[in-house]
Amino acid sequence: MKPRYGYRTLRAGRVSLPGHIYLLTAVTACRRPLFKDVDLAREACRCIYEVSHWGDASLLCWVLMPDHWHGLVQLGDRDEVTTVMRRFKSAISRRLHCSPAVWAPGYHDRALRQDDDIKAVARYIVANPLRAGLVSHVLDYPYWDCIWL
């Protein structure tokens, strides 16, 4: 039997655990650097800050890069990862009124383990623009936030 790959296969093993923290990544459609546009990036950030889009989940840390978004999200008791990401991506797409689509289908998720250093993961997220060569100092990049910084 030929092995199956792709988004559907990844979703088959996806588990949402209430109270757990997830490192989430969503990429733009065709990896377009959509958020190089300052107006679109600012509008997306305003949308990210709206608490209503997160349901009972808590957004702990995030960065909006030109062609993707990383976030550290702690689930609440009600919403699963798929619900949180669908709501997040839909809200930004509606707000930006972009055509073609803003986001590629699917997303990547990784549940943090109990022995993972959450603040180290947050630093990794926030340092993304630095590693990508977009800025020479993390504080020079405007599209991120973290509860610990």
Protein backbone atom coordinates (compact mmCIF):
# COMPACT_ATOMS: atom_id res chain seq x y z
CA MET A 1 0.00 0.00 0.00
CA LYS A 2 1.31 3.43 -0.96
CA PRO A 3 1.89 5.76 2.04
CA ARG A 4 -0.40 8.81 2.23
CA TYR A 5 1.08 12.25 2.71
CA GLY A 6 -0.35 15.72 2.92
CA TYR A 7 -2.64 17.83 5.03
CA ARG A 8 -5.33 15.17 5.50
CA THR A 9 -2.76 12.71 6.87
CA LEU A 10 -1.42 15.31 9.29
CA ARG A 11 -4.91 16.11 10.54
CA ALA A 12 -5.61 12.45 11.27
CA GLY A 13 -3.18 12.50 14.21
CA ARG A 14 -4.05 15.95 15.53
CA VAL A 15 -5.09 16.11 19.19
CA SER A 16 -6.36 19.10 21.16
CA LEU A 17 -5.74 18.95 24.89
CA PRO A 18 -7.48 21.53 27.09
CA GLY A 19 -5.03 23.76 28.96
CA HIS A 20 -2.06 22.71 26.83
CA ILE A 21 0.17 25.18 25.00
CA TYR A 22 0.68 24.85 21.25
CA LEU A 23 3.22 26.36 18.89
CA LEU A 24 1.19 27.19 15.79
CA THR A 25 2.28 28.27 12.31
CA ALA A 26 0.15 29.46 9.40
CA VAL A 27 1.62 30.42 6.03
CA THR A 28 0.21 32.77 3.43
CA ALA A 29 -1.20 31.35 0.21
CA CYS A 30 1.65 30.53 -2.18
CA ARG A 31 4.02 31.95 0.48
CA ARG A 32 3.26 35.45 -0.85
CA PRO A 33 5.01 38.10 1.26
CA LEU A 34 1.63 39.74 1.81
CA PHE A 35 2.58 41.33 5.12
CA LYS A 36 5.47 43.29 3.64
CA ASP A 37 2.69 45.76 2.94
CA VAL A 38 2.67 47.94 6.07
CA ASP A 39 -1.06 48.68 5.90
CA LEU A 40 -2.00 45.00 5.59
CA ALA A 41 0.42 44.02 8.37
CA ARG A 42 -0.94 46.68 10.72
CA GLU A 43 -4.53 45.70 10.02
CA ALA A 44 -3.72 42.02 10.58
CA CYS A 45 -2.05 42.92 13.90
CA ARG A 46 -5.11 44.87 15.04
CA CYS A 47 -7.15 41.78 14.26
CA ILE A 48 -4.73 39.50 16.15
CA TYR A 49 -5.12 41.67 19.26
CA GLU A 50 -8.91 41.22 19.31
CA VAL A 51 -9.62 38.84 22.16
CA SER A 52 -12.92 37.67 20.66
CA HIS A 53 -11.07 35.83 17.87
CA TRP A 54 -9.36 33.54 20.38
CA GLY A 55 -12.48 32.16 22.08
CA ASP A 56 -11.45 30.60 25.38
CA ALA A 57 -7.82 30.18 24.23
CA SER A 58 -5.07 32.58 25.32
CA LEU A 59 -2.56 34.06 22.90
CA LEU A 60 0.75 34.10 24.79
CA CYS A 61 3.20 35.13 22.09
CA TRP A 62 3.15 35.77 18.33
CA VAL A 63 5.02 37.21 15.38
CA LEU A 64 3.67 38.17 11.98
CA MET A 65 6.29 37.65 9.29
CA PRO A 66 5.95 38.74 5.65
CA ASP A 67 4.72 35.29 4.56
CA HIS A 68 3.69 33.50 7.75
CA TRP A 69 2.57 33.77 11.37
CA HIS A 70 3.83 31.96 14.48
CA GLY A 71 1.89 31.90 17.70
CA LEU A 72 2.07 30.33 21.13
CA VAL A 73 -1.50 29.58 22.21
CA GLN A 74 -2.83 28.01 25.38
CA LEU A 75 -6.14 26.24 24.83
CA GLY A 76 -9.04 26.74 27.18
CA ASP A 77 -11.59 24.08 28.07
CA ARG A 78 -13.93 24.56 25.11
CA ASP A 79 -12.17 25.23 21.78
CA GLU A 80 -9.90 22.80 19.95
CA VAL A 81 -6.80 23.84 18.00
CA THR A 82 -8.68 23.50 14.70
CA THR A 83 -11.42 25.86 15.92
CA VAL A 84 -8.92 28.43 17.18
CA MET A 85 -6.94 28.41 13.92
CA ARG A 86 -10.05 28.50 11.72
CA ARG A 87 -11.35 31.51 13.67
CA PHE A 88 -7.94 33.26 13.55
CA LYS A 89 -7.39 32.77 9.82
CA SER A 90 -10.99 33.65 8.93
CA ALA A 91 -10.94 36.85 10.98
CA ILE A 92 -7.80 38.14 9.28
CA SER A 93 -9.03 37.13 5.82
CA ARG A 94 -12.33 38.96 6.37
CA ARG A 95 -10.59 42.02 7.77
CA LEU A 96 -8.11 42.33 4.90
CA HIS A 97 -10.63 41.76 2.08
CA CYS A 98 -7.79 40.20 0.07
CA SER A 99 -8.19 38.26 -3.11
CA PRO A 100 -6.87 35.66 -3.73
CA ALA A 101 -6.90 33.94 -0.34
CA VAL A 102 -4.69 35.25 2.48
CA TRP A 103 -3.77 31.88 4.00
CA ALA A 104 -2.72 28.55 2.60
CA PRO A 105 -4.91 25.63 3.68
CA GLY A 106 -3.98 24.01 6.96
CA TYR A 107 -1.41 24.94 9.58
CA HIS A 108 1.36 23.35 11.58
CA ASP A 109 0.97 22.68 15.29
CA ARG A 110 3.19 21.26 17.99
CA ALA A 111 2.01 20.66 21.53
CA LEU A 112 4.64 21.77 24.01
CA ARG A 113 5.70 19.12 26.47
CA GLN A 114 5.80 19.71 30.18
CA ASP A 115 9.61 19.82 30.13
CA ASP A 116 9.72 22.38 27.29
CA ASP A 117 10.92 25.83 28.32
CA ILE A 118 7.94 27.99 27.32
CA LYS A 119 9.89 31.24 27.56
CA ALA A 120 12.64 29.81 25.33
CA VAL A 121 9.99 28.93 22.72
CA ALA A 122 8.61 32.47 23.03
CA ARG A 123 12.11 33.92 22.51
CA TYR A 124 12.50 31.70 19.45
CA ILE A 125 9.22 33.07 18.03
CA VAL A 126 10.06 36.70 18.73
CA ALA A 127 13.57 36.30 17.25
CA ASN A 128 12.17 35.11 13.89
CA PRO A 129 12.59 38.51 12.16
CA LEU A 130 16.17 38.71 13.44
CA ARG A 131 17.05 35.26 12.07
CA ALA A 132 15.36 36.16 8.76
CA GLY A 133 17.57 39.24 8.46
CA LEU A 134 14.63 41.66 8.53
CA VAL A 135 16.05 43.64 11.47
CA SER A 136 19.28 43.88 13.42
CA HIS A 137 17.52 44.00 16.81
CA VAL A 138 14.30 42.26 17.86
CA LEU A 139 12.77 45.47 19.18
CA ASP A 140 13.10 47.05 15.71
CA TYR A 141 10.45 44.71 14.32
CA PRO A 142 6.92 46.05 14.91
CA TYR A 143 4.68 43.00 14.34
CA TRP A 144 4.92 40.83 17.43
CA ASP A 145 3.87 40.61 21.05
CA CYS A 146 4.61 38.39 24.04
CA ILE A 147 3.15 38.33 27.53
CA TRP A 148 6.64 37.89 29.04
CA LEU A 149 8.31 40.82 27.32
